[in-house]
Amino acid sequence: MIIPIRCFSCGKPLAQLWEEYIERVKKGEDRKKVFDDLGLERYCCRAVMLGHVELIEEAAQFKKF
């Protein structure tokens, strides 16, 4: 799925933070520190980012012609 544009609960914009979040986590940084640096203080926003699974490549395999 595509990263949600806004948090489902509070409405804070999240999509612009996704790329930096993924890059920093892949480098081995602690997720809590990354969230704090990005300004994600609410549990609802953190849950949206943690719960997101990137499935766009798998879904694209089944497109209709």
Protein backbone atom coordinates (compact mmCIF):
# COMPACT_ATOMS: atom_id res chain seq x y z
CA MET A 1 0.00 0.00 0.00
CA ILE A 2 1.02 3.60 -0.38
CA ILE A 3 1.97 5.47 2.79
CA PRO A 4 -0.98 7.38 4.19
CA ILE A 5 -0.84 11.10 3.51
CA ARG A 6 -2.11 11.97 6.99
CA CYS A 7 -2.43 10.25 10.35
CA PHE A 8 -5.76 8.48 10.64
CA SER A 9 -6.45 9.81 14.14
CA CYS A 10 -5.06 13.33 14.42
CA GLY A 11 -4.64 14.35 10.78
CA LYS A 12 -0.93 15.28 10.96
CA PRO A 13 0.80 15.07 7.54
CA LEU A 14 3.10 12.01 7.42
CA ALA A 15 3.87 11.22 3.78
CA GLN A 16 6.79 13.65 3.49
CA LEU A 17 8.53 11.92 6.41
CA TRP A 18 8.39 8.37 5.01
CA GLU A 19 11.53 8.40 2.82
CA GLU A 20 13.78 9.84 5.54
CA TYR A 21 12.32 7.43 8.11
CA ILE A 22 13.03 4.38 5.93
CA GLU A 23 16.56 5.51 5.04
CA ARG A 24 17.53 6.12 8.63
CA VAL A 25 16.04 2.85 9.91
CA LYS A 26 17.84 0.87 7.18
CA LYS A 27 21.12 2.47 8.29
CA GLY A 28 20.52 0.97 11.74
CA GLU A 29 19.28 3.95 13.75
CA ASP A 30 16.90 3.36 16.62
CA ARG A 31 13.27 3.91 15.56
CA LYS A 32 12.47 5.91 18.69
CA LYS A 33 15.29 8.36 17.99
CA VAL A 34 14.20 8.71 14.35
CA PHE A 35 10.60 9.43 15.40
CA ASP A 36 11.78 12.01 17.93
CA ASP A 37 14.00 13.72 15.33
CA LEU A 38 11.18 13.80 12.77
CA GLY A 39 8.80 15.37 15.29
CA LEU A 40 6.43 12.42 15.64
CA GLU A 41 5.45 12.69 19.27
CA ARG A 42 1.93 11.25 19.24
CA TYR A 43 1.35 7.51 19.55
CA CYS A 44 -1.18 7.53 16.73
CA CYS A 45 1.35 8.92 14.22
CA ARG A 46 4.02 6.49 15.34
CA ALA A 47 1.60 3.59 15.00
CA VAL A 48 0.73 4.57 11.43
CA MET A 49 4.42 4.66 10.49
CA LEU A 50 5.28 1.42 12.30
CA GLY A 51 2.25 -0.44 10.99
CA HIS A 52 2.73 0.50 7.36
CA VAL A 53 3.86 -2.30 5.03
CA GLU A 54 5.13 -1.41 1.56
CA LEU A 55 3.16 -3.66 -0.84
CA ILE A 56 3.03 -1.53 -3.98
CA GLU A 57 5.47 -3.77 -5.95
CA GLU A 58 3.48 -6.89 -5.10
CA ALA A 59 0.15 -5.28 -6.00
CA ALA A 60 1.56 -3.96 -9.30
CA GLN A 61 2.13 -7.53 -10.51
CA PHE A 62 -1.61 -8.06 -10.74
CA LYS A 63 -2.58 -4.99 -12.74
CA LYS A 64 -5.16 -5.47 -15.50
CA PHE A 65 -4.25 -4.88 -19.11
